Amino acid sequence: MTWDAARLTGPDGADWRVPVAELEARRQRLGSALSEAGLESALIDDPVELYWLTGGRQNGLLLVGADGSDVSNVHWVRKSIERAEFEAGGDDAPDSIVAQPRMSALANAIRAAGGTRAPALLAGKMPHDRFVFFAGKLASLGEVADCTRILYRLRETKSEWELAMHRASGAINRQMFAAVRDCGGVGRTELQLAAAADEVSRAAGFGGRIRMRRWPMDCDRVVVAAGRSGAIPSYFDSALGGLGASPISSLGAGHAKVVANEPVIVDIVHLHRGYVSDCTRMFSAGPLSEEWHERLGHMAEIRDSVVESLGRGEDCSAAWLIGHGLAVEMGYAEHLMGMPPNQAIFLGHSVGLELDETPVVADRFDRPLEVGGTMAIEPKVLFDEGAIGTEDTFARTSDGMECLTSGSSWDLLTEWEA
């Protein structure tokens, strides 16, 4: 190695690699899940899943054998082997890291690792052409199965180390709101407010990308919508999209300016070492009307009802019915999470290494948020004159729900001087 691996650090030289014990535990969980599903092995190529299992996202493939199989785990890397070795723990890396074979030799390489059947693939995440290509190369080993949902379910329950990453992310998220508070006021553009938050996030180590599962969704991590910007519809599958800077970037902050006595909704996402924190707070230049205050209080009431339901271990669908039912009683049926025909039909989404994980507080999600699950709860209402709401990210613990973001430490509404 001629390049300087010591430069691959976090701020002030901190070692930001995933602990080897985490990687080993995750591979063991996957091996057990594969065995329970009757699969011999899985071949992982998705960047997020590779990071979760190997500590990096180098260009390569990871073969993981099921418990009780004769398949040896092996990490094949096309580029860069040296960096993959370092990111996986160096000499302590869980498994061998070697050059990826040519695709024409992939089936034989799997046989050499002990495989007798085609490994399962992430068919739910791979482009169709890529899946067909891989299936063809593995045809001599039999039919290819799909292991996407296995990985999704495994990642729903966070380890203590992962929860620590979420907490650190939430702390930086609060600093981003402080930057918005300190720079805001009448005449400031949405993009100026977003830039202030972005500076904090970048300095803390944000890598520049928020990953989402659902195609073709992508996300801007600081959505600022001043006044009537909150009513602008967008492609984004959520209550609020914002203006965006241009038609090709039609999500997030735009060129609109803060006007006195109008609501400014700020929805901030930060990723700390890949782990999401998602939080929304309200701002205004001068006081808002009593009507806006009442709406915000109602959203906090709906949030609390959803959080309490999840903390009791009730199904996510039950939490949805409770929150949605309250909103209807309060008169928000045509305004909750958007306005017809653009209403989103959820009140919370799980987060992790991706923004849109499962489960979701929505109809038909008839299972609970498990202990160790992390979820953003975000009731919001939209009107022609603007949007208002709240959002925090929570983790379910054995004692209930732990807030990972601002919670009660940051008021739901902050006033700038008019």
Protein backbone atom coordinates (compact mmCIF):
# COMPACT_ATOMS: atom_id res chain seq x y z
CA MET A 1 0.00 0.00 0.00
CA THR A 2 1.50 3.32 -1.08
CA TRP A 3 -1.40 5.62 -0.18
CA ASP A 4 -2.03 6.88 3.34
CA ALA A 5 -4.78 4.86 5.03
CA ALA A 6 -4.36 7.01 8.14
CA ARG A 7 -6.24 9.77 6.32
CA LEU A 8 -9.43 7.67 6.35
CA THR A 9 -10.72 9.08 9.64
CA GLY A 10 -13.48 11.14 11.10
CA PRO A 11 -12.94 14.60 12.61
CA ASP A 12 -9.68 15.04 14.53
CA GLY A 13 -8.45 11.61 13.53
CA ALA A 14 -11.33 9.67 15.08
CA ASP A 15 -11.65 6.07 13.92
CA TRP A 16 -15.03 6.02 12.18
CA ARG A 17 -14.89 2.42 11.03
CA VAL A 18 -17.70 0.10 12.04
CA PRO A 19 -16.47 -2.07 14.93
CA VAL A 20 -15.49 -5.56 13.79
CA ALA A 21 -17.71 -7.06 16.50
CA GLU A 22 -20.69 -5.33 14.84
CA LEU A 23 -19.81 -6.77 11.43
CA GLU A 24 -19.40 -10.27 12.87
CA ALA A 25 -22.73 -10.08 14.72
CA ARG A 26 -24.55 -8.91 11.60
CA ARG A 27 -23.15 -11.72 9.47
CA GLN A 28 -24.14 -14.22 12.12
CA ARG A 29 -27.69 -12.83 12.17
CA LEU A 30 -27.87 -13.04 8.39
CA GLY A 31 -26.55 -16.61 8.38
CA SER A 32 -29.22 -17.61 10.89
CA ALA A 33 -31.98 -15.84 8.93
CA LEU A 34 -30.92 -17.53 5.69
CA SER A 35 -31.04 -20.92 7.36
CA GLU A 36 -34.54 -20.23 8.71
CA ALA A 37 -35.65 -19.27 5.19
CA GLY A 38 -34.25 -22.50 3.72
CA LEU A 39 -31.58 -20.68 1.70
CA GLU A 40 -28.00 -21.87 1.38
CA SER A 41 -26.35 -18.47 0.92
CA ALA A 42 -26.80 -14.87 -0.16
CA LEU A 43 -24.73 -12.75 -2.54
CA ILE A 44 -24.83 -9.08 -1.54
CA ASP A 45 -24.01 -6.25 -3.95
CA ASP A 46 -26.08 -3.25 -2.78
CA PRO A 47 -23.99 -0.38 -1.32
CA VAL A 48 -26.11 0.05 1.82
CA GLU A 49 -26.21 -3.66 2.60
CA LEU A 50 -22.49 -3.96 1.84
CA TYR A 51 -21.75 -1.17 4.29
CA TRP A 52 -23.91 -2.81 6.95
CA LEU A 53 -22.13 -6.15 6.53
CA THR A 54 -18.57 -5.16 5.58
CA GLY A 55 -18.04 -1.68 6.98
CA GLY A 56 -17.50 -0.15 3.53
CA ARG A 57 -19.13 0.22 0.15
CA GLN A 58 -16.37 -0.71 -2.21
CA ASN A 59 -17.26 -2.13 -5.62
CA GLY A 60 -17.68 -5.81 -4.93
CA LEU A 61 -19.77 -8.75 -3.69
CA LEU A 62 -20.16 -10.46 -0.34
CA LEU A 63 -21.06 -14.15 -0.16
CA VAL A 64 -22.61 -15.13 3.19
CA GLY A 65 -23.39 -18.76 3.97
CA ALA A 66 -26.40 -19.91 5.97
CA ASP A 67 -25.93 -21.52 9.35
CA GLY A 68 -25.34 -25.22 8.88
CA SER A 69 -24.24 -24.86 5.27
CA ASP A 70 -20.76 -25.57 3.98
CA VAL A 71 -20.51 -22.12 2.37
CA SER A 72 -17.59 -20.00 3.57
CA ASN A 73 -18.10 -16.26 3.76
CA VAL A 74 -15.96 -14.35 1.30
CA HIS A 75 -15.76 -10.69 0.31
CA TRP A 76 -14.92 -10.30 -3.37
CA VAL A 77 -13.79 -6.79 -4.30
CA ARG A 78 -13.26 -5.26 -7.71
CA LYS A 79 -12.11 -1.86 -6.43
CA SER A 80 -10.50 -1.10 -4.01
CA ILE A 81 -9.25 -4.22 -2.22
CA GLU A 82 -6.87 -2.23 -0.03
CA ARG A 83 -9.55 0.17 1.12
CA ALA A 84 -12.02 -2.68 1.67
CA GLU A 85 -9.47 -4.40 3.90
CA PHE A 86 -8.90 -1.26 5.96
CA GLU A 87 -12.61 -0.45 6.33
CA ALA A 88 -13.43 -4.03 7.38
CA GLY A 89 -10.94 -3.85 10.26
CA GLY A 90 -7.58 -4.60 8.67
CA ASP A 91 -6.03 -7.76 10.07
CA ASP A 92 -9.15 -8.24 12.21
CA ALA A 93 -11.56 -8.28 9.23
CA PRO A 94 -14.21 -11.00 9.73
CA ASP A 95 -13.56 -12.90 6.49
CA SER A 96 -11.17 -13.11 3.59
CA ILE A 97 -11.13 -10.18 1.15
CA VAL A 98 -9.94 -11.13 -2.30
CA ALA A 99 -10.16 -9.97 -5.90
CA GLN A 100 -13.58 -10.43 -7.45
CA PRO A 101 -13.60 -13.18 -10.10
CA ARG A 102 -14.70 -12.54 -13.64
CA MET A 103 -18.44 -12.95 -13.99
CA SER A 104 -17.92 -15.95 -16.24
CA ALA A 105 -16.15 -17.64 -13.30
CA LEU A 106 -18.58 -16.54 -10.57
CA ALA A 107 -20.49 -19.82 -10.34
CA ASN A 108 -17.27 -21.79 -10.00
CA ALA A 109 -16.01 -19.36 -7.35
CA ILE A 110 -19.18 -19.99 -5.35
CA ARG A 111 -18.66 -23.74 -5.71
CA ALA A 112 -15.09 -23.30 -4.46
CA ALA A 113 -16.50 -21.50 -1.40
CA GLY A 114 -18.69 -24.53 -0.70
CA GLY A 115 -21.87 -23.54 -2.53
CA THR A 116 -24.04 -26.15 -4.17
CA ARG A 117 -27.02 -23.90 -4.99
CA ALA A 118 -27.42 -20.44 -6.45
CA PRO A 119 -27.17 -17.79 -3.73
CA ALA A 120 -30.12 -15.53 -3.07
CA LEU A 121 -29.83 -11.99 -4.46
CA LEU A 122 -31.23 -8.60 -3.49
CA ALA A 123 -33.78 -8.77 -6.29
CA GLY A 124 -35.87 -6.05 -4.65
CA LYS A 125 -33.05 -3.52 -4.93
CA MET A 126 -31.16 -4.54 -8.06
CA PRO A 127 -32.02 -3.06 -11.47
CA HIS A 128 -33.84 -5.63 -13.58
CA ASP A 129 -31.06 -5.92 -16.17
CA ARG A 130 -28.48 -6.54 -13.45
CA PHE A 131 -30.62 -9.21 -11.82
CA VAL A 132 -31.15 -10.98 -15.14
CA PHE A 133 -27.41 -10.80 -15.83
CA PHE A 134 -26.49 -12.29 -12.45
CA ALA A 135 -29.18 -14.96 -12.68
CA GLY A 136 -27.77 -15.99 -16.04
CA LYS A 137 -24.24 -16.28 -14.68
CA LEU A 138 -25.52 -18.38 -11.77
CA ALA A 139 -27.87 -20.56 -13.83
CA SER A 140 -25.66 -23.64 -13.52
CA LEU A 141 -26.30 -23.51 -9.75
CA GLY A 142 -30.06 -23.39 -10.12
CA GLU A 143 -32.78 -20.80 -9.65
CA VAL A 144 -32.00 -17.55 -7.83
CA ALA A 145 -34.16 -16.57 -4.83
CA ASP A 146 -34.75 -13.09 -3.35
CA CYS A 147 -33.31 -12.16 0.06
CA THR A 148 -34.25 -8.46 0.07
CA ARG A 149 -36.89 -8.66 2.79
CA ILE A 150 -34.57 -10.74 4.96
CA LEU A 151 -32.02 -7.92 4.99
CA TYR A 152 -34.71 -5.29 5.51
CA ARG A 153 -36.12 -7.09 8.54
CA LEU A 154 -32.68 -7.66 10.06
CA ARG A 155 -31.83 -3.98 9.81
CA GLU A 156 -35.09 -2.91 11.46
CA THR A 157 -33.68 -3.80 14.89
CA LYS A 158 -30.72 -1.62 15.78
CA SER A 159 -27.81 -2.66 17.99
CA GLU A 160 -26.67 -0.52 20.92
CA TRP A 161 -23.84 0.77 18.73
CA GLU A 162 -26.29 1.76 16.01
CA LEU A 163 -28.54 3.52 18.53
CA ALA A 164 -25.48 5.48 19.68
CA MET A 165 -24.96 6.57 16.08
CA HIS A 166 -28.60 7.71 15.88
CA ARG A 167 -28.22 9.68 19.13
CA ALA A 168 -25.08 11.40 17.83
CA SER A 169 -26.94 12.20 14.62
CA GLY A 170 -29.76 13.75 16.65
CA ALA A 171 -27.32 15.95 18.57
CA ILE A 172 -25.93 17.36 15.31
CA ASN A 173 -29.48 17.79 14.05
CA ARG A 174 -30.15 20.12 17.01
CA GLN A 175 -27.07 22.17 16.15
CA MET A 176 -28.46 22.59 12.63
CA PHE A 177 -31.68 24.05 14.05
CA ALA A 178 -29.59 26.43 16.15
CA ALA A 179 -27.92 27.67 12.96
CA VAL A 180 -31.33 28.28 11.37
CA ARG A 181 -32.45 30.14 14.50
CA ASP A 182 -29.36 32.34 14.50
CA CYS A 183 -29.49 33.36 10.82
CA GLY A 184 -33.23 33.67 10.22
CA GLY A 185 -35.57 36.60 9.93
CA VAL A 186 -37.66 38.66 7.54
CA GLY A 187 -36.26 38.72 4.02
CA ARG A 188 -34.03 35.68 4.38
CA THR A 189 -34.54 33.11 1.63
CA GLU A 190 -35.34 29.48 2.26
CA LEU A 191 -32.05 28.55 0.61
CA GLN A 192 -30.09 30.82 2.96
CA LEU A 193 -31.62 29.08 5.96
CA ALA A 194 -30.89 25.67 4.44
CA ALA A 195 -27.28 26.68 3.73
CA ALA A 196 -26.73 27.62 7.38
CA ALA A 197 -27.93 24.19 8.49
CA ASP A 198 -25.92 22.50 5.75
CA GLU A 199 -22.69 24.14 6.91
CA VAL A 200 -23.10 22.62 10.37
CA SER A 201 -23.91 19.20 8.98
CA ARG A 202 -21.00 19.15 6.55
CA ALA A 203 -18.54 20.23 9.24
CA ALA A 204 -19.78 17.38 11.43
CA GLY A 205 -19.09 14.82 8.70
CA PHE A 206 -22.21 14.48 6.56
CA GLY A 207 -21.21 12.61 3.40
CA GLY A 208 -23.55 14.34 0.95
CA ARG A 209 -26.14 11.67 0.23
CA ILE A 210 -29.38 10.46 1.81
CA ARG A 211 -30.24 6.96 0.72
CA MET A 212 -33.80 5.89 -0.02
CA ARG A 213 -35.22 2.51 -0.99
CA ARG A 214 -38.23 3.55 -2.96
CA TRP A 215 -37.46 4.29 -6.60
CA PRO A 216 -37.44 6.98 -7.99
CA MET A 217 -37.36 8.90 -4.70
CA ASP A 218 -34.44 11.11 -3.75
CA CYS A 219 -34.23 13.57 -0.92
CA ASP A 220 -32.92 16.99 0.07
CA ARG A 221 -32.08 16.88 3.74
CA VAL A 222 -33.12 20.46 4.61
CA VAL A 223 -36.67 21.26 3.52
CA VAL A 224 -37.56 24.88 4.33
CA ALA A 225 -41.01 26.12 3.33
CA ALA A 226 -41.87 29.73 4.17
CA GLY A 227 -45.53 30.69 4.22
CA ARG A 228 -47.38 29.60 1.09
CA SER A 229 -44.40 27.50 -0.02
CA GLY A 230 -45.76 24.88 2.37
CA ALA A 231 -48.73 24.27 0.08
CA ILE A 232 -46.68 23.60 -3.05
CA PRO A 233 -47.09 19.96 -4.19
CA SER A 234 -44.05 17.89 -5.16
CA TYR A 235 -43.04 14.42 -6.27
CA PHE A 236 -41.88 13.50 -2.78
CA ASP A 237 -43.89 10.84 -0.99
CA SER A 238 -44.45 12.84 2.17
CA ALA A 239 -46.58 15.66 3.50
CA LEU A 240 -44.14 18.39 2.55
CA GLY A 241 -41.93 18.89 -0.46
CA GLY A 242 -41.15 22.59 -0.65
CA LEU A 243 -40.28 24.64 -3.69
CA GLY A 244 -36.83 23.31 -4.46
CA ALA A 245 -34.17 25.37 -6.16
CA SER A 246 -35.20 24.48 -9.75
CA PRO A 247 -37.41 22.01 -11.65
CA ILE A 248 -34.65 19.35 -11.61
CA SER A 249 -34.20 19.92 -7.85
CA SER A 250 -37.86 20.35 -7.01
CA LEU A 251 -37.65 19.42 -3.35
CA GLY A 252 -36.47 21.35 -0.34
CA ALA A 253 -35.65 25.02 0.02
CA GLY A 254 -36.31 27.50 -2.74
CA HIS A 255 -35.93 31.20 -3.47
CA ALA A 256 -38.97 32.36 -1.49
CA LYS A 257 -38.34 34.73 1.43
CA VAL A 258 -39.49 34.81 5.02
CA VAL A 259 -42.43 37.18 5.55
CA ALA A 260 -43.49 38.52 8.96
CA ASN A 261 -46.13 36.54 10.87
CA GLU A 262 -46.15 33.56 8.49
CA PRO A 263 -45.21 30.00 9.45
CA VAL A 264 -41.82 28.69 8.32
CA ILE A 265 -41.55 24.91 8.53
CA VAL A 266 -38.02 23.45 8.68
CA ASP A 267 -37.56 19.68 8.20
CA ILE A 268 -33.95 18.60 8.75
CA VAL A 269 -32.29 15.25 8.07
CA HIS A 270 -28.73 14.54 9.17
CA LEU A 271 -26.68 11.37 8.76
CA HIS A 272 -23.98 10.53 11.27
CA ARG A 273 -21.76 7.78 9.90
CA GLY A 274 -24.72 6.80 7.75
CA TYR A 275 -27.42 6.83 10.45
CA VAL A 276 -30.46 9.07 9.99
CA SER A 277 -31.98 11.63 12.33
CA ASP A 278 -35.13 13.37 11.05
CA CYS A 279 -36.69 16.32 12.85
CA THR A 280 -39.09 19.21 12.08
CA ARG A 281 -39.60 22.48 13.92
CA MET A 282 -41.52 25.69 13.22
CA PHE A 283 -40.16 29.23 12.97
CA SER A 284 -41.74 32.63 12.39
CA ALA A 285 -40.64 36.23 12.12
CA GLY A 286 -42.87 37.77 14.75
CA PRO A 287 -45.90 36.04 16.27
CA LEU A 288 -48.25 33.67 14.50
CA SER A 289 -52.01 33.82 14.80
CA GLU A 290 -53.84 31.87 17.47
CA GLU A 291 -55.18 29.60 14.72
CA TRP A 292 -51.66 28.51 13.77
CA HIS A 293 -50.80 27.94 17.44
CA GLU A 294 -53.89 25.77 17.84
CA ARG A 295 -52.97 23.70 14.79
CA LEU A 296 -49.45 23.15 16.10
CA GLY A 297 -50.78 22.08 19.50
CA HIS A 298 -53.05 19.59 17.78
CA MET A 299 -50.13 18.09 15.83
CA ALA A 300 -48.22 17.65 19.09
CA GLU A 301 -51.25 15.87 20.55
CA ILE A 302 -51.43 13.53 17.55
CA ARG A 303 -47.67 12.87 17.79
CA ASP A 304 -47.98 11.97 21.47
CA SER A 305 -50.84 9.56 20.76
CA VAL A 306 -48.85 7.76 18.07
CA VAL A 307 -45.71 7.58 20.21
CA GLU A 308 -47.66 6.21 23.17
CA SER A 309 -49.30 3.56 20.99
CA LEU A 310 -45.98 2.39 19.56
CA GLY A 311 -44.39 2.40 23.01
CA ARG A 312 -47.13 0.04 24.24
CA GLY A 313 -46.15 -2.39 21.49
CA GLU A 314 -49.30 -1.93 19.43
CA ASP A 315 -49.21 -2.53 15.69
CA CYS A 316 -48.18 0.37 13.47
CA SER A 317 -51.59 0.16 11.79
CA ALA A 318 -53.26 0.66 15.18
CA ALA A 319 -51.09 3.73 15.84
CA TRP A 320 -52.15 5.08 12.44
CA LEU A 321 -55.83 4.61 13.23
CA ILE A 322 -55.41 6.42 16.55
CA GLY A 323 -53.50 9.37 15.04
CA HIS A 324 -55.64 9.64 11.93
CA GLY A 325 -58.83 9.36 13.96
CA LEU A 326 -57.74 12.26 16.18
CA ALA A 327 -56.95 14.37 13.11
CA VAL A 328 -60.39 13.72 11.66
CA GLU A 329 -62.06 14.65 14.97
CA MET A 330 -60.04 17.89 14.97
CA GLY A 331 -61.25 18.76 11.48
CA TYR A 332 -58.06 18.02 9.53
CA ALA A 333 -59.28 15.22 7.26
CA GLU A 334 -58.56 17.31 4.14
CA HIS A 335 -55.27 18.72 5.45
CA LEU A 336 -53.39 15.96 7.31
CA MET A 337 -50.10 15.16 5.57
CA GLY A 338 -51.09 17.23 2.55
CA MET A 339 -54.20 18.33 0.69
CA PRO A 340 -56.21 16.27 -1.81
CA PRO A 341 -55.20 14.78 -4.17
CA ASN A 342 -51.65 14.89 -2.82
CA GLN A 343 -52.05 13.60 0.73
CA ALA A 344 -49.49 11.17 2.13
CA ILE A 345 -51.09 8.31 4.05
CA PHE A 346 -48.69 7.74 6.93
CA LEU A 347 -47.72 9.43 10.19
CA GLY A 348 -44.31 7.89 10.76
CA HIS A 349 -41.54 6.08 8.89
CA SER A 350 -38.69 3.97 10.20
CA VAL A 351 -35.15 5.21 9.68
CA GLY A 352 -31.69 3.69 9.76
CA LEU A 353 -29.11 3.75 6.99
CA GLU A 354 -32.00 4.69 4.71
CA LEU A 355 -34.68 7.33 5.22
CA ASP A 356 -37.66 5.19 4.24
CA GLU A 357 -37.26 1.94 6.13
CA THR A 358 -39.95 -0.33 7.57
CA PRO A 359 -42.25 -0.58 9.40
CA VAL A 360 -44.39 2.52 8.73
CA VAL A 361 -47.22 4.08 10.76
CA ALA A 362 -49.83 3.45 8.11
CA ASP A 363 -52.81 1.25 7.32
CA ARG A 364 -52.04 -2.47 6.82
CA PHE A 365 -48.70 -2.40 8.68
CA ASP A 366 -50.05 -4.96 11.12
CA ARG A 367 -46.94 -5.41 13.19
CA PRO A 368 -45.30 -3.36 15.94
CA LEU A 369 -42.17 -1.27 15.98
CA GLU A 370 -39.91 -3.80 17.66
CA VAL A 371 -37.66 -2.95 20.58
CA GLY A 372 -34.57 -1.47 18.92
CA GLY A 373 -36.58 0.00 16.07
CA THR A 374 -36.08 3.66 15.14
CA MET A 375 -38.86 5.78 13.67
CA ALA A 376 -39.57 9.41 12.74
CA ILE A 377 -43.08 10.50 13.79
CA GLU A 378 -44.24 13.52 11.76
CA PRO A 379 -47.85 14.75 11.88
CA LYS A 380 -48.26 17.86 9.72
CA VAL A 381 -51.15 19.80 8.23
CA LEU A 382 -51.07 21.82 5.02
CA PHE A 383 -53.26 24.77 4.02
CA ASP A 384 -53.15 27.19 1.11
CA GLU A 385 -51.44 29.73 3.33
CA GLY A 386 -48.75 27.38 4.66
CA ALA A 387 -47.85 24.27 6.63
CA ILE A 388 -47.32 23.49 10.29
CA GLY A 389 -46.34 20.40 12.22
CA THR A 390 -43.70 18.63 14.22
CA GLU A 391 -41.36 15.66 13.88
CA ASP A 392 -38.89 13.79 16.04
CA THR A 393 -37.04 10.51 15.67
CA PHE A 394 -37.61 7.90 18.37
CA ALA A 395 -36.23 4.52 19.35
CA ARG A 396 -38.40 1.91 21.01
CA THR A 397 -36.79 0.56 24.16
CA SER A 398 -37.95 -1.95 26.76
CA ASP A 399 -39.23 1.05 28.76
CA GLY A 400 -41.12 2.77 25.92
CA MET A 401 -40.01 5.35 23.38
CA GLU A 402 -36.75 7.31 23.59
CA CYS A 403 -36.51 10.58 21.64
CA LEU A 404 -33.27 10.70 19.61
CA THR A 405 -33.62 14.25 18.26
CA SER A 406 -34.75 17.57 19.75
CA GLY A 407 -37.77 16.45 21.76
CA SER A 408 -38.68 18.75 24.63
CA SER A 409 -35.23 20.38 24.53
CA TRP A 410 -36.30 22.50 21.55
CA ASP A 411 -39.59 24.41 21.42
CA LEU A 412 -42.03 23.48 18.69
CA LEU A 413 -42.04 27.14 17.56
CA THR A 414 -39.17 29.62 17.57
CA GLU A 415 -39.75 33.33 16.84
CA TRP A 416 -37.28 35.56 15.11
CA GLU A 417 -37.56 39.31 15.62
CA ALA A 418 -39.85 40.79 12.98
